[in-house]
C-alpha cells in the first residue's frame, strides 16, 4: 500500500487548499512579528552599548576614588567596557 499525497492533502471535506493557505498566511504574519522583534532587540542592544560606553567613561574620569574601592572600580570599568563591546557585536 502506497501513501499518495493527493489522498491526504484534500481530506474528507476537500479543504486542503484552505488549510494550506491559512498556514501560509499565519506564517507570513509570524515572520513579520519575528522581524519586528529582532529589529527592536537590535535597537535595545545598540542603546545599551552606548550607555555602557558612557558609563565606562564616567568611571574612567572619576579620579577621586582611591583606597579600598579602587580595585572594585577597575573591575566595574573593565566589565562595562567588555559588555559594551559584546553588545556592539550583537
C-alpha atoms as a PDB file:
ATOM      1  CA  UNK A   1       0.000   0.000   0.000  1.00  0.00           C
ATOM      2  CA  UNK A   2       1.425   3.347  -1.045  1.00  0.00           C
ATOM      3  CA  UNK A   3       0.549   6.633   0.598  1.00  0.00           C
ATOM      4  CA  UNK A   4      -0.286   9.229  -2.013  1.00  0.00           C
ATOM      5  CA  UNK A   5      -0.151  12.945  -1.265  1.00  0.00           C
ATOM      6  CA  UNK A   6      -3.354  13.730  -3.138  1.00  0.00           C
ATOM      7  CA  UNK A   7      -5.297  11.289  -0.960  1.00  0.00           C
ATOM      8  CA  UNK A   8      -4.290  13.080   2.231  1.00  0.00           C
ATOM      9  CA  UNK A   9      -3.977  16.693   1.100  1.00  0.00           C
ATOM     10  CA  UNK A  10      -7.625  17.283   0.354  1.00  0.00           C
ATOM     11  CA  UNK A  11      -9.013  15.477   3.392  1.00  0.00           C
ATOM     12  CA  UNK A  12     -12.603  14.448   3.936  1.00  0.00           C
ATOM     13  CA  UNK A  13     -14.039  17.932   3.322  1.00  0.00           C
ATOM     14  CA  UNK A  14     -11.715  18.739   0.406  1.00  0.00           C
ATOM     15  CA  UNK A  15     -10.360  21.725   2.342  1.00  0.00           C
ATOM     16  CA  UNK A  16      -6.656  21.102   1.739  1.00  0.00           C
ATOM     17  CA  UNK A  17      -6.114  24.313  -0.192  1.00  0.00           C
ATOM     18  CA  UNK A  18      -7.814  26.404   2.502  1.00  0.00           C
ATOM     19  CA  UNK A  19      -5.725  24.769   5.218  1.00  0.00           C
ATOM     20  CA  UNK A  20      -2.548  25.334   3.228  1.00  0.00           C
ATOM     21  CA  UNK A  21      -3.500  28.958   2.510  1.00  0.00           C
ATOM     22  CA  UNK A  22      -4.308  29.688   6.171  1.00  0.00           C
ATOM     23  CA  UNK A  23      -0.997  28.155   7.272  1.00  0.00           C
ATOM     24  CA  UNK A  24       0.927  30.266   4.771  1.00  0.00           C
ATOM     25  CA  UNK A  25      -0.971  33.398   5.833  1.00  0.00           C
ATOM     26  CA  UNK A  26      -0.276  32.693   9.522  1.00  0.00           C
ATOM     27  CA  UNK A  27       3.405  32.052   8.788  1.00  0.00           C
ATOM     28  CA  UNK A  28       3.654  35.367   6.933  1.00  0.00           C
ATOM     29  CA  UNK A  29       2.277  37.174   9.979  1.00  0.00           C
ATOM     30  CA  UNK A  30       4.602  35.235  12.304  1.00  0.00           C
ATOM     31  CA  UNK A  31       7.579  36.178  10.124  1.00  0.00           C
ATOM     32  CA  UNK A  32       6.613  39.863  10.283  1.00  0.00           C
ATOM     33  CA  UNK A  33       6.301  39.689  14.073  1.00  0.00           C
ATOM     34  CA  UNK A  34       9.665  37.939  14.386  1.00  0.00           C
ATOM     35  CA  UNK A  35      11.322  40.531  12.148  1.00  0.00           C
ATOM     36  CA  UNK A  36       9.888  43.375  14.224  1.00  0.00           C
ATOM     37  CA  UNK A  37      11.011  41.687  17.453  1.00  0.00           C
ATOM     38  CA  UNK A  38      14.570  41.263  16.159  1.00  0.00           C
ATOM     39  CA  UNK A  39      14.633  44.882  14.938  1.00  0.00           C
ATOM     40  CA  UNK A  40      13.518  46.176  18.347  1.00  0.00           C
ATOM     41  CA  UNK A  41      16.004  43.906  20.121  1.00  0.00           C
ATOM     42  CA  UNK A  42      18.788  45.271  17.925  1.00  0.00           C
ATOM     43  CA  UNK A  43      17.864  48.855  18.824  1.00  0.00           C
ATOM     44  CA  UNK A  44      17.840  47.963  22.515  1.00  0.00           C
ATOM     45  CA  UNK A  45      21.284  46.340  22.242  1.00  0.00           C
ATOM     46  CA  UNK A  46      22.638  49.397  20.422  1.00  0.00           C
ATOM     47  CA  UNK A  47      21.258  51.753  23.075  1.00  0.00           C
ATOM     48  CA  UNK A  48      22.597  49.513  25.827  1.00  0.00           C
ATOM     49  CA  UNK A  49      26.031  49.541  24.196  1.00  0.00           C
ATOM     50  CA  UNK A  50      26.099  53.342  24.031  1.00  0.00           C
ATOM     51  CA  UNK A  51      25.024  53.655  27.662  1.00  0.00           C
ATOM     52  CA  UNK A  52      27.680  51.168  28.801  1.00  0.00           C
ATOM     53  CA  UNK A  53      30.382  53.095  26.930  1.00  0.00           C
ATOM     54  CA  UNK A  54      29.172  56.311  28.573  1.00  0.00           C
ATOM     55  CA  UNK A  55      29.206  54.653  32.000  1.00  0.00           C
ATOM     56  CA  UNK A  56      32.690  53.290  31.405  1.00  0.00           C
ATOM     57  CA  UNK A  57      33.967  56.762  30.503  1.00  0.00           C
ATOM     58  CA  UNK A  58      32.386  58.206  33.645  1.00  0.00           C
ATOM     59  CA  UNK A  59      34.161  55.595  35.761  1.00  0.00           C
ATOM     60  CA  UNK A  60      37.407  56.417  33.982  1.00  0.00           C
ATOM     61  CA  UNK A  61      37.055  60.150  34.698  1.00  0.00           C
ATOM     62  CA  UNK A  62      36.496  59.670  38.410  1.00  0.00           C
ATOM     63  CA  UNK A  63      39.982  60.304  39.803  1.00  0.00           C
ATOM     64  CA  UNK A  64      38.847  60.952  43.373  1.00  0.00           C
ATOM     65  CA  UNK A  65      38.378  57.238  44.066  1.00  0.00           C
ATOM     66  CA  UNK A  66      41.269  55.773  45.993  1.00  0.00           C
ATOM     67  CA  UNK A  67      41.823  53.256  48.699  1.00  0.00           C
ATOM     68  CA  UNK A  68      39.950  50.019  49.030  1.00  0.00           C
ATOM     69  CA  UNK A  69      37.397  50.820  46.304  1.00  0.00           C
ATOM     70  CA  UNK A  70      39.987  51.299  43.547  1.00  0.00           C
ATOM     71  CA  UNK A  71      40.166  47.570  42.599  1.00  0.00           C
ATOM     72  CA  UNK A  72      36.366  47.411  42.511  1.00  0.00           C
ATOM     73  CA  UNK A  73      36.162  50.460  40.232  1.00  0.00           C
ATOM     74  CA  UNK A  74      38.735  48.937  37.879  1.00  0.00           C
ATOM     75  CA  UNK A  75      36.687  45.733  37.657  1.00  0.00           C
ATOM     76  CA  UNK A  76      33.429  47.633  37.107  1.00  0.00           C
ATOM     77  CA  UNK A  77      35.011  49.782  34.396  1.00  0.00           C
ATOM     78  CA  UNK A  78      36.514  46.749  32.681  1.00  0.00           C
ATOM     79  CA  UNK A  79      33.253  44.792  32.781  1.00  0.00           C
ATOM     80  CA  UNK A  80      31.308  47.772  31.386  1.00  0.00           C
ATOM     81  CA  UNK A  81      33.798  48.062  28.516  1.00  0.00           C
ATOM     82  CA  UNK A  82      33.615  44.334  27.767  1.00  0.00           C
ATOM     83  CA  UNK A  83      29.813  44.297  27.908  1.00  0.00           C
ATOM     84  CA  UNK A  84      29.582  47.285  25.596  1.00  0.00           C
ATOM     85  CA  UNK A  85      31.830  45.584  23.051  1.00  0.00           C
ATOM     86  CA  UNK A  86      29.740  42.394  23.261  1.00  0.00           C
ATOM     87  CA  UNK A  87      26.521  44.345  22.780  1.00  0.00           C
ATOM     88  CA  UNK A  88      28.060  46.107  19.786  1.00  0.00           C
ATOM     89  CA  UNK A  89      28.826  42.734  18.188  1.00  0.00           C
ATOM     90  CA  UNK A  90      25.213  41.566  18.527  1.00  0.00           C
END
